Amino acid sequence: MLTRRKTVIYVGILLLIVLMIGAAVSTYLWQMRLQKPVEMSMAHHTMGGMTEMAGMGHMEHMAGMENSPAEGELSCDSLTAPESSAPIRKFELTAAQTTLKLANGEKVKAWTFNGSSPGPELRVTEGNRVVITLHNKDIEDGVTIHFHGIKVPCSQDGIAGLTQDAVLPGGQFTYTFIATTPGTYWYHSHQMSSIQVSKGLLGALIVEPKTGYQSDAPISDTTVLYQQLDSSMLVNGRAEGIAVPGQPGEQARLRLINAGNETMEFNIDGASFRGVAMDGHDLHEPGLLEGVRVPIGAGQRYDLLIQVPNTGKVIISSPMAKNLPITIGSGSEPQHSDGGQLFSFIDYGTPLPNDTTLYVQPDRLFNLELGQNLFVKSINGKAFSDIPPMIVKEGDHVRINVSNRGGGDHPFHIHGHVFRVLSKNGVALRGSPVYLDTLLTKEGETYELYLEADNPGLWMVHCHNLKHASMGMSMMLDYEGISTSYRLGTKSGNLPDL
């Protein structure tokens, strides 16, 4: 009898293990289906003959759907930069497989723009008409360029399967847009983005103001881009720290870009500083900060203004990049500050007088919960093609409530738009208005955002930890009456978030 009981227990345990393995495999295969559908329209969320429209849950069959716009609809292709007499800045970028030799002697196989990673810094002036021609030498799966944070027309957003087909080896694509807003931005491939960005297809894009920066002291201007090139953490393409020249009394503007997937916290030792811009947008009357750690989420940018002290260096460092500090000036080493308070934008700077945005009533309201279900990163419990799009029309005032329910830090990024942060965890911002394109959210945090629907098109909304996006945390912001002829999936080879 005892032997029989043991046998039953062993069989039961074996069946339980088989069921658990089966559930894990089924979930994994479901995730792969989300990552690699056969064919899907990102305008109407059509996959396998099924479409999910604006009703946030209503579904109906769409047999024989054509790729051309329906009557009365505008194609994303038709939304282009307006003609202008502005000065034209032209750039040529060639994507290619390259072997890079780092300063420490290590050789790294990389995918590069113009032979380097990051690719060349593109620096233009506010109002310029920017024309960038992308060539693909030998990236087999194709490549695109997305201009992160830049407000471009729909057709120029660089999303494989939505605004264009991925550019295959030997092919090219020309992007044209007006650089309307000064600030710190970056560019990267949005074909298989979690793979191609980690292999090196990225670079900085700086838009300088027409009138220059107002200051009583000379200002140096330095872009500092951190990236994860496969297993190597780099700063400006180097495996060692960088030095920024600076004389006592001068001011150094650092444009910090986090082009990796993880949140970076920066210590600034040896001087006080100001956070003068976030995601390229100036903060109003920013105050001096000292001993404060600055958290920068994946995809985000912070501009810091640091006055070089009369004696000693300034060192900016992050535990995520221990051997890659930024050193400003010369002289003695500053005392390292550990465990300082995290920077908070809730009460930083001063509010604008007569700020009418605070009193705008929303035309549309969306609630988004960012989380995790087993192997899948989710929005409202669903992943990628199963997530209904947010549907708006031009001119709408849109309120979006974003909550992080788990699964790590989720830097929430909206293409083609800038949004304003109204509150964090129910506390209204009391300082400068904060305008972003990427918002770092940590587990348990809730944010209230305001967005003006002023750029008609079809726009991706996703976590900018690109691994999370590839695991399902990606959806759409679609304008009524806009369509696309492009398709995502294994049939076309367009896989923007893989």
Protein backbone atom coordinates (compact mmCIF):
# COMPACT_ATOMS: atom_id res chain seq x y z
CA MET A 1 0.00 0.00 0.00
CA LEU A 2 2.82 2.40 0.90
CA THR A 3 4.57 1.70 -2.40
CA ARG A 4 1.33 2.41 -4.28
CA ARG A 5 0.90 5.74 -2.47
CA LYS A 6 4.46 6.73 -3.31
CA THR A 7 3.84 5.85 -6.95
CA VAL A 8 0.69 8.02 -7.00
CA ILE A 9 2.61 10.91 -5.41
CA TYR A 10 5.49 10.59 -7.87
CA VAL A 11 3.09 10.45 -10.84
CA GLY A 12 1.24 13.49 -9.48
CA ILE A 13 4.48 15.44 -9.09
CA LEU A 14 5.56 14.41 -12.59
CA LEU A 15 2.21 15.53 -14.05
CA LEU A 16 2.48 18.85 -12.20
CA ILE A 17 5.99 19.42 -13.59
CA VAL A 18 4.81 18.55 -17.11
CA LEU A 19 1.87 20.97 -16.75
CA MET A 20 4.16 23.74 -15.51
CA ILE A 21 6.62 23.18 -18.36
CA GLY A 22 3.71 23.09 -20.82
CA ALA A 23 2.34 26.36 -19.44
CA ALA A 24 5.78 27.99 -19.65
CA VAL A 25 6.31 26.78 -23.23
CA SER A 26 2.81 27.90 -24.25
CA THR A 27 3.38 31.35 -22.74
CA TYR A 28 6.77 31.60 -24.44
CA LEU A 29 5.31 30.62 -27.82
CA TRP A 30 2.50 33.14 -27.31
CA GLN A 31 5.10 35.80 -26.64
CA MET A 32 6.98 34.82 -29.79
CA ARG A 33 3.70 35.16 -31.72
CA LEU A 34 3.35 38.70 -30.36
CA GLN A 35 6.92 39.52 -31.34
CA LYS A 36 6.72 37.89 -34.75
CA PRO A 37 3.19 37.97 -36.20
CA VAL A 38 2.90 36.82 -39.80
CA GLU A 39 1.25 40.07 -40.87
CA MET A 40 -0.30 42.96 -38.96
CA SER A 41 -1.47 46.52 -39.59
CA MET A 42 -0.41 48.87 -36.81
CA ALA A 43 -3.09 51.34 -37.92
CA HIS A 44 -6.03 49.06 -37.15
CA HIS A 45 -4.39 46.27 -35.14
CA THR A 46 -5.30 43.72 -37.75
CA MET A 47 -3.71 40.30 -37.35
CA GLY A 48 -4.96 37.09 -38.81
CA GLY A 49 -8.25 38.64 -39.99
CA MET A 50 -9.08 40.14 -36.57
CA THR A 51 -9.10 43.84 -35.76
CA GLU A 52 -9.47 45.78 -32.54
CA MET A 53 -10.78 49.27 -33.04
CA ALA A 54 -11.14 52.36 -30.88
CA GLY A 55 -13.74 50.90 -28.53
CA MET A 56 -10.97 49.62 -26.19
CA GLY A 57 -12.31 46.09 -26.31
CA HIS A 58 -14.71 45.93 -29.28
CA MET A 59 -13.55 43.44 -31.92
CA GLU A 60 -14.87 42.50 -35.33
CA HIS A 61 -13.73 40.47 -38.34
CA MET A 62 -12.17 42.40 -41.25
CA ALA A 63 -12.04 40.11 -44.27
CA GLY A 64 -10.18 41.12 -47.40
CA MET A 65 -8.74 44.33 -45.94
CA GLU A 66 -6.68 46.21 -48.55
CA ASN A 67 -3.41 47.97 -47.87
CA SER A 68 -4.58 51.23 -49.44
CA PRO A 69 -6.35 53.94 -47.38
CA ALA A 70 -10.12 53.68 -47.07
CA GLU A 71 -12.23 56.44 -48.56
CA GLY A 72 -11.82 59.65 -46.56
CA GLU A 73 -8.63 58.46 -44.84
CA LEU A 74 -5.18 60.02 -45.11
CA SER A 75 -2.10 57.87 -45.53
CA CYS A 76 0.79 58.37 -43.12
CA ASP A 77 2.96 58.63 -46.27
CA SER A 78 1.18 61.85 -47.23
CA LEU A 79 2.11 63.59 -43.95
CA THR A 80 5.45 65.22 -44.72
CA ALA A 81 7.49 68.27 -43.73
CA PRO A 82 6.09 71.54 -45.17
CA GLU A 83 8.04 73.38 -47.81
CA SER A 84 10.20 76.16 -46.39
CA SER A 85 13.03 78.52 -47.28
CA ALA A 86 14.94 77.54 -44.12
CA PRO A 87 18.64 76.63 -44.35
CA ILE A 88 19.11 72.97 -45.25
CA ARG A 89 21.44 70.65 -43.33
CA LYS A 90 22.23 67.41 -45.15
CA PHE A 91 23.73 64.25 -43.68
CA GLU A 92 24.59 60.80 -45.05
CA LEU A 93 24.54 57.82 -42.68
CA THR A 94 25.66 54.35 -43.72
CA ALA A 95 24.73 51.37 -41.54
CA ALA A 96 27.29 48.57 -41.68
CA GLN A 97 28.82 45.69 -39.76
CA THR A 98 32.14 46.78 -38.24
CA THR A 99 34.74 45.54 -35.80
CA LEU A 100 35.58 48.28 -33.32
CA LYS A 101 38.78 48.38 -31.30
CA LEU A 102 38.22 49.98 -27.89
CA ALA A 103 40.85 51.97 -25.98
CA ASN A 104 41.35 49.03 -23.61
CA GLY A 105 42.39 46.86 -26.55
CA GLU A 106 39.15 44.89 -26.67
CA LYS A 107 37.67 44.22 -30.11
CA VAL A 108 33.90 44.36 -30.42
CA LYS A 109 31.75 43.33 -33.33
CA ALA A 110 29.29 46.16 -33.84
CA TRP A 111 26.74 47.59 -36.22
CA THR A 112 27.64 51.19 -36.88
CA PHE A 113 26.67 54.41 -38.59
CA ASN A 114 29.58 55.71 -40.68
CA GLY A 115 31.96 53.25 -39.06
CA SER A 116 31.46 54.23 -35.43
CA SER A 117 29.16 53.65 -32.49
CA PRO A 118 27.73 55.96 -31.51
CA GLY A 119 27.37 57.31 -35.02
CA PRO A 120 28.34 60.90 -35.82
CA GLU A 121 26.76 63.61 -33.71
CA LEU A 122 24.24 65.49 -35.85
CA ARG A 123 24.21 69.15 -34.74
CA VAL A 124 21.76 71.54 -36.36
CA THR A 125 20.16 74.89 -35.59
CA GLU A 126 16.56 75.56 -34.63
CA GLY A 127 14.51 76.08 -37.81
CA ASN A 128 16.87 74.13 -40.09
CA ARG A 129 15.41 71.81 -42.67
CA VAL A 130 17.21 68.54 -41.87
CA VAL A 131 17.72 66.00 -44.66
CA ILE A 132 19.28 62.67 -43.67
CA THR A 133 19.89 59.88 -46.19
CA LEU A 134 20.26 56.40 -44.72
CA HIS A 135 22.23 53.77 -46.64
CA ASN A 136 22.36 50.11 -45.64
CA LYS A 137 25.60 48.42 -46.60
CA ASP A 138 25.15 44.95 -45.10
CA ILE A 139 22.66 44.80 -42.18
CA GLU A 140 20.80 41.73 -43.40
CA ASP A 141 17.46 42.27 -41.61
CA GLY A 142 17.22 45.89 -42.72
CA VAL A 143 17.51 49.12 -40.78
CA THR A 144 15.67 52.42 -40.17
CA ILE A 145 16.34 55.64 -38.25
CA HIS A 146 13.99 56.96 -35.57
CA PHE A 147 14.67 60.47 -34.24
CA HIS A 148 13.97 60.07 -30.54
CA GLY A 149 12.16 63.10 -29.08
CA ILE A 150 12.04 65.05 -32.35
CA LYS A 151 8.55 66.02 -33.48
CA VAL A 152 8.60 64.76 -37.07
CA PRO A 153 5.75 64.18 -39.54
CA CYS A 154 4.27 60.68 -39.44
CA SER A 155 6.05 59.55 -42.62
CA GLN A 156 9.47 60.43 -41.17
CA ASP A 157 9.30 58.56 -37.84
CA GLY A 158 11.44 55.64 -39.02
CA ILE A 159 9.27 52.74 -37.81
CA ALA A 160 9.58 49.54 -39.83
CA GLY A 161 6.11 48.30 -40.75
CA LEU A 162 4.36 51.53 -39.82
CA THR A 163 5.95 54.50 -41.62
CA GLN A 164 8.24 52.63 -44.05
CA ASP A 165 9.71 49.27 -44.93
CA ALA A 166 13.05 48.46 -43.34
CA VAL A 167 15.90 49.51 -45.65
CA LEU A 168 17.55 46.33 -46.92
CA PRO A 169 21.23 45.96 -47.91
CA GLY A 170 21.98 48.13 -50.93
CA GLY A 171 18.92 50.29 -50.31
CA GLN A 172 18.47 53.82 -49.01
CA PHE A 173 15.81 56.11 -47.51
CA THR A 174 15.83 59.89 -47.10
CA TYR A 175 14.27 61.54 -44.02
CA THR A 176 13.27 65.20 -44.03
CA PHE A 177 11.99 67.26 -41.09
CA ILE A 178 12.17 70.74 -39.58
CA ALA A 179 14.18 71.06 -36.36
CA THR A 180 11.54 73.04 -34.49
CA THR A 181 12.59 72.72 -30.84
CA PRO A 182 16.12 73.29 -29.47
CA GLY A 183 17.43 70.56 -27.20
CA THR A 184 19.21 67.26 -26.71
CA TYR A 185 17.90 64.30 -28.69
CA TRP A 186 19.21 61.09 -30.20
CA TYR A 187 18.61 58.71 -33.09
CA HIS A 188 18.53 54.95 -33.40
CA SER A 189 17.26 52.14 -35.57
CA HIS A 190 13.65 51.10 -35.03
CA GLN A 191 13.91 47.81 -36.89
CA MET A 192 14.47 45.01 -34.36
CA SER A 193 15.28 47.87 -32.00
CA SER A 194 16.22 45.85 -28.91
CA ILE A 195 18.84 44.03 -31.01
CA GLN A 196 20.06 46.77 -33.34
CA VAL A 197 20.44 49.48 -30.68
CA SER A 198 22.44 47.11 -28.45
CA LYS A 199 24.68 46.36 -31.45
CA GLY A 200 25.44 50.05 -31.92
CA LEU A 201 22.99 51.66 -34.38
CA LEU A 202 22.50 54.96 -32.55
CA GLY A 203 23.86 58.49 -32.18
CA ALA A 204 23.25 61.95 -30.71
CA LEU A 205 21.21 64.70 -32.35
CA ILE A 206 21.53 68.25 -30.98
CA VAL A 207 19.33 71.19 -31.97
CA GLU A 208 20.93 74.50 -30.98
CA PRO A 209 18.75 77.59 -30.40
CA LYS A 210 18.86 80.33 -33.03
CA THR A 211 19.82 82.92 -30.44
CA GLY A 212 22.37 80.85 -28.52
CA TYR A 213 22.38 80.32 -24.77
CA GLN A 214 22.26 83.35 -22.47
CA SER A 215 24.97 83.32 -19.79
CA ASP A 216 27.25 85.67 -17.87
CA ALA A 217 30.15 83.22 -18.16
CA PRO A 218 31.63 81.25 -21.08
CA ILE A 219 29.89 77.91 -21.60
CA SER A 220 31.41 74.73 -22.95
CA ASP A 221 28.91 72.35 -24.56
CA THR A 222 29.56 68.61 -24.34
CA THR A 223 27.36 65.67 -25.37
CA VAL A 224 27.82 62.55 -23.23
CA LEU A 225 26.10 59.43 -24.54
CA TYR A 226 26.10 56.22 -22.49
CA GLN A 227 25.30 52.98 -24.29
CA GLN A 228 25.43 49.24 -23.73
CA LEU A 229 27.22 47.76 -26.75
CA ASP A 230 26.40 44.08 -26.21
CA SER A 231 28.26 43.38 -22.93
CA SER A 232 30.41 46.53 -23.01
CA MET A 233 29.31 49.75 -21.28
CA LEU A 234 30.63 52.73 -23.24
CA VAL A 235 30.59 56.51 -22.96
CA ASN A 236 30.89 58.36 -26.29
CA GLY A 237 32.08 55.07 -27.77
CA ARG A 238 34.91 54.69 -25.24
CA ALA A 239 35.55 52.06 -22.58
CA GLU A 240 37.13 54.68 -20.33
CA GLY A 241 36.01 57.96 -18.79
CA ILE A 242 36.08 61.29 -20.61
CA ALA A 243 37.64 64.62 -19.68
CA VAL A 244 35.88 67.93 -20.33
CA PRO A 245 38.16 70.98 -20.38
CA GLY A 246 37.13 73.78 -18.06
CA GLN A 247 38.72 76.82 -16.45
CA PRO A 248 37.73 78.10 -12.98
CA GLY A 249 34.61 80.23 -13.24
CA GLU A 250 33.54 78.80 -16.58
CA GLN A 251 30.31 76.90 -16.98
CA ALA A 252 30.02 73.47 -18.54
CA ARG A 253 26.79 72.30 -20.15
CA LEU A 254 26.61 68.51 -20.13
CA ARG A 255 24.04 66.84 -22.34
CA LEU A 256 23.61 63.43 -20.69
CA ILE A 257 21.95 60.80 -22.90
CA ASN A 258 21.02 57.38 -21.54
CA ALA A 259 20.88 55.21 -24.67
CA GLY A 260 20.93 51.94 -22.71
CA ASN A 261 18.06 49.93 -21.25
CA GLU A 262 18.60 50.46 -17.52
CA THR A 263 18.12 53.50 -15.29
CA MET A 264 21.35 55.38 -14.50
CA GLU A 265 21.77 57.48 -11.35
CA PHE A 266 24.45 60.16 -11.50
CA ASN A 267 26.42 61.71 -8.64
CA ILE A 268 27.90 65.18 -9.23
CA ASP A 269 30.89 65.67 -6.91
CA GLY A 270 32.93 68.85 -6.50
CA ALA A 271 30.41 71.53 -7.47
CA SER A 272 26.79 72.57 -7.30
CA PHE A 273 24.79 72.42 -10.51
CA ARG A 274 21.49 73.18 -12.17
CA GLY A 275 19.27 70.86 -14.16
CA VAL A 276 18.46 73.21 -17.03
CA ALA A 277 16.55 70.88 -19.38
CA MET A 278 14.88 67.48 -19.48
CA ASP A 279 14.35 65.63 -22.76
CA GLY A 280 15.41 68.78 -24.59
CA HIS A 281 12.88 71.10 -22.91
CA ASP A 282 14.08 73.95 -20.70
CA LEU A 283 13.07 74.09 -17.05
CA HIS A 284 11.81 77.43 -15.72
CA GLU A 285 14.19 79.15 -13.28
CA PRO A 286 16.04 76.00 -12.13
CA GLY A 287 17.69 76.31 -8.73
CA LEU A 288 21.13 75.20 -7.56
CA LEU A 289 21.46 71.57 -6.50
CA GLU A 290 24.17 69.93 -4.41
CA GLY A 291 24.66 66.36 -3.21
CA VAL A 292 21.65 65.24 -5.26
CA ARG A 293 21.61 62.09 -7.38
CA VAL A 294 20.09 62.50 -10.84
CA PRO A 295 18.14 59.46 -12.14
CA ILE A 296 18.00 59.21 -15.94
CA GLY A 297 15.76 56.53 -17.40
CA ALA A 298 16.43 54.66 -20.63
CA GLY A 299 15.95 57.02 -23.57
CA GLN A 300 15.89 60.14 -21.39
CA ARG A 301 18.20 63.16 -21.59
CA TYR A 302 19.18 65.67 -18.90
CA ASP A 303 21.11 68.88 -19.53
CA LEU A 304 23.19 69.90 -16.49
CA LEU A 305 24.89 73.28 -16.09
CA ILE A 306 27.96 73.08 -13.84
CA GLN A 307 30.22 75.93 -12.78
CA VAL A 308 33.87 74.92 -12.66
CA PRO A 309 35.17 75.59 -9.12
CA ASN A 310 38.22 77.75 -8.37
CA THR A 311 40.10 74.69 -7.13
CA GLY A 312 39.71 70.99 -7.84
CA LYS A 313 37.85 68.85 -10.30
CA VAL A 314 34.21 68.05 -10.82
CA ILE A 315 33.45 64.35 -11.29
CA ILE A 316 30.15 63.00 -12.58
CA SER A 317 29.74 59.26 -12.15
CA SER A 318 27.17 56.47 -12.08
CA PRO A 319 27.27 53.06 -10.37
CA MET A 320 25.96 51.65 -13.67
CA ALA A 321 29.18 52.84 -15.35
CA LYS A 322 31.77 52.72 -12.58
CA ASN A 323 34.80 53.03 -14.84
CA LEU A 324 33.33 55.73 -17.09
CA PRO A 325 33.32 58.99 -15.12
CA ILE A 326 33.12 62.48 -16.61
CA THR A 327 35.85 64.79 -15.28
CA ILE A 328 35.64 68.57 -15.61
CA GLY A 329 38.64 70.78 -14.85
CA SER A 330 41.81 69.81 -13.05
CA GLY A 331 43.31 69.70 -9.59
CA SER A 332 42.43 67.72 -6.51
CA GLU A 333 39.81 64.96 -6.41
CA PRO A 334 36.47 65.94 -4.84
CA GLN A 335 35.00 63.97 -1.98
CA HIS A 336 32.60 61.37 -3.33
CA SER A 337 29.01 61.70 -2.12
CA ASP A 338 27.07 58.46 -1.76
CA GLY A 339 23.42 58.00 -0.93
CA GLY A 340 22.31 61.56 -1.57
CA GLN A 341 18.69 62.44 -2.11
CA LEU A 342 17.23 61.64 -5.53
CA PHE A 343 16.39 64.61 -7.71
CA SER A 344 12.65 65.31 -7.82
CA PHE A 345 11.00 67.54 -10.40
CA ILE A 346 7.83 67.93 -8.31
CA ASP A 347 9.00 71.20 -6.75
CA TYR A 348 12.09 72.08 -8.80
CA GLY A 349 12.22 75.48 -10.47
CA THR A 350 9.31 77.91 -10.42
CA PRO A 351 5.86 77.78 -12.03
CA LEU A 352 4.90 79.90 -15.00
CA PRO A 353 2.59 82.84 -14.35
CA ASN A 354 -0.92 82.48 -15.77
CA ASP A 355 -0.40 78.83 -16.67
CA THR A 356 -3.65 78.06 -18.48
CA THR A 357 -2.71 74.43 -19.28
CA LEU A 358 -3.52 73.47 -15.69
CA TYR A 359 -7.18 74.30 -16.26
CA VAL A 360 -7.73 72.53 -19.59
CA GLN A 361 -10.46 69.90 -19.45
CA PRO A 362 -9.57 66.67 -21.28
CA ASP A 363 -11.46 65.46 -24.34
CA ARG A 364 -10.02 61.95 -23.96
CA LEU A 365 -8.89 60.04 -20.89
CA PHE A 366 -6.79 56.87 -20.93
CA ASN A 367 -5.61 54.76 -17.97
CA LEU A 368 -2.51 52.65 -18.59
CA GLU A 369 -1.13 50.12 -16.10
CA LEU A 370 2.40 48.94 -16.90
CA GLY A 371 3.15 45.50 -15.49
CA GLN A 372 4.26 41.93 -16.07
CA ASN A 373 2.49 38.62 -16.70
CA LEU A 374 4.96 35.73 -16.53
CA PHE A 375 7.32 36.26 -19.51
CA VAL A 376 5.30 39.15 -20.92
CA LYS A 377 5.62 42.87 -20.15
CA SER A 378 2.10 44.22 -20.33
CA ILE A 379 -0.09 47.30 -20.57
CA ASN A 380 -3.46 46.86 -18.89
CA GLY A 381 -2.72 43.14 -18.63
CA LYS A 382 -2.23 42.70 -22.38
CA ALA A 383 0.74 42.68 -24.72
CA PHE A 384 1.50 44.41 -28.02
CA SER A 385 -1.03 43.45 -30.70
CA ASP A 386 -3.63 42.59 -28.05
CA ILE A 387 -3.51 46.11 -26.58
CA PRO A 388 -6.20 48.39 -28.06
CA PRO A 389 -4.76 51.65 -29.41
CA MET A 390 -5.47 55.03 -27.88
CA ILE A 391 -7.63 56.76 -30.50
CA VAL A 392 -7.62 60.56 -30.71
CA LYS A 393 -8.44 63.25 -33.22
CA GLU A 394 -6.47 66.36 -34.06
CA GLY A 395 -7.08 69.13 -31.53
CA ASP A 396 -7.99 66.81 -28.64
CA HIS A 397 -6.75 67.57 -25.14
CA VAL A 398 -5.66 64.16 -23.86
CA ARG A 399 -5.17 63.01 -20.25
CA ILE A 400 -3.15 59.83 -19.73
CA ASN A 401 -2.79 58.23 -16.30
CA VAL A 402 0.24 55.93 -16.17
CA SER A 403 0.86 53.48 -13.31
CA ASN A 404 3.82 51.14 -12.85
CA ARG A 405 2.46 47.91 -11.34
CA GLY A 406 5.70 45.95 -11.49
CA GLY A 407 8.26 44.25 -13.68
CA GLY A 408 11.02 46.83 -13.18
CA ASP A 409 11.54 50.44 -14.21
CA HIS A 410 9.46 51.37 -17.24
CA PRO A 411 10.57 54.51 -19.12
CA PHE A 412 7.30 55.42 -20.87
CA HIS A 413 7.91 56.89 -24.36
CA ILE A 414 5.43 58.43 -26.81
CA HIS A 415 6.49 59.03 -30.42
CA GLY A 416 5.74 62.25 -32.27
CA HIS A 417 4.62 64.23 -29.22
CA VAL A 418 5.70 65.98 -26.06
CA PHE A 419 3.61 65.50 -22.95
CA ARG A 420 3.45 67.47 -19.73
CA VAL A 421 3.68 65.82 -16.30
CA LEU A 422 0.86 67.17 -14.12
CA SER A 423 1.27 65.04 -10.99
CA LYS A 424 3.21 62.21 -9.39
CA ASN A 425 1.53 59.85 -6.93
CA GLY A 426 -1.36 62.28 -6.64
CA VAL A 427 0.86 65.28 -5.84
CA ALA A 428 0.60 68.13 -8.35
CA LEU A 429 3.86 69.63 -9.62
CA ARG A 430 4.60 72.87 -7.80
CA GLY A 431 7.72 74.02 -9.65
CA SER A 432 8.62 74.40 -13.30
CA PRO A 433 6.40 72.80 -15.92
CA VAL A 434 8.00 69.51 -17.01
CA TYR A 435 7.65 68.51 -20.67
CA LEU A 436 8.98 65.10 -21.70
CA ASP A 437 8.86 62.48 -24.41
CA THR A 438 10.11 59.73 -22.06
CA LEU A 439 9.01 59.38 -18.43
CA LEU A 440 10.88 57.18 -15.96
CA THR A 441 8.35 55.23 -13.90
CA LYS A 442 9.30 53.04 -10.94
CA GLU A 443 7.21 50.31 -9.37
CA GLY A 444 4.31 51.74 -7.37
CA GLU A 445 4.43 55.17 -9.02
CA THR A 446 1.47 56.81 -10.75
CA TYR A 447 1.64 59.84 -13.05
CA GLU A 448 -0.94 62.09 -14.61
CA LEU A 449 0.09 63.36 -18.07
CA TYR A 450 -1.33 65.94 -20.45
CA LEU A 451 -0.84 65.69 -24.21
CA GLU A 452 -2.07 67.92 -27.03
CA ALA A 453 -3.06 65.91 -30.10
CA ASP A 454 -1.33 68.25 -32.52
CA ASN A 455 0.61 65.91 -34.82
CA PRO A 456 -1.72 63.68 -36.87
CA GLY A 457 -0.38 60.23 -37.56
CA LEU A 458 0.14 56.74 -36.21
CA TRP A 459 2.51 56.74 -33.26
CA MET A 460 4.15 54.06 -31.17
CA VAL A 461 3.90 54.18 -27.38
CA HIS A 462 6.25 51.83 -25.54
CA CYS A 463 8.65 51.16 -22.71
CA HIS A 464 12.12 52.38 -23.68
CA ASN A 465 13.78 49.54 -21.95
CA LEU A 466 13.75 48.04 -25.42
CA LYS A 467 13.86 44.51 -24.03
CA HIS A 468 10.55 45.25 -22.30
CA ALA A 469 9.11 46.60 -25.55
CA SER A 470 10.20 43.41 -27.31
CA MET A 471 8.38 41.42 -24.58
CA GLY A 472 5.08 43.13 -25.29
CA MET A 473 5.07 46.57 -23.62
CA SER A 474 4.25 48.46 -26.80
CA MET A 475 1.02 49.96 -28.13
CA MET A 476 -0.27 52.68 -30.46
CA LEU A 477 -1.57 56.25 -30.34
CA ASP A 478 -3.66 56.52 -33.52
CA TYR A 479 -5.38 59.55 -34.97
CA GLU A 480 -8.82 59.06 -36.50
CA GLY A 481 -8.74 58.95 -40.28
CA ILE A 482 -5.03 58.05 -40.65
CA SER A 483 -3.92 54.79 -42.25
CA THR A 484 -0.76 53.11 -43.49
CA SER A 485 0.01 50.82 -46.39
CA TYR A 486 2.92 49.19 -44.55
CA ARG A 487 2.66 45.91 -42.66
CA LEU A 488 4.54 44.48 -39.73
CA GLY A 489 5.47 40.81 -39.44
CA THR A 490 7.53 37.95 -40.77
CA LYS A 491 5.91 38.24 -44.21
CA SER A 492 7.26 41.76 -44.77
CA GLY A 493 10.31 41.40 -42.50
CA ASN A 494 9.33 44.58 -40.64
CA LEU A 495 9.77 43.92 -36.91
CA PRO A 496 10.19 47.30 -35.16
CA ASP A 497 10.25 46.15 -31.53
CA LEU A 498 11.87 42.70 -31.71
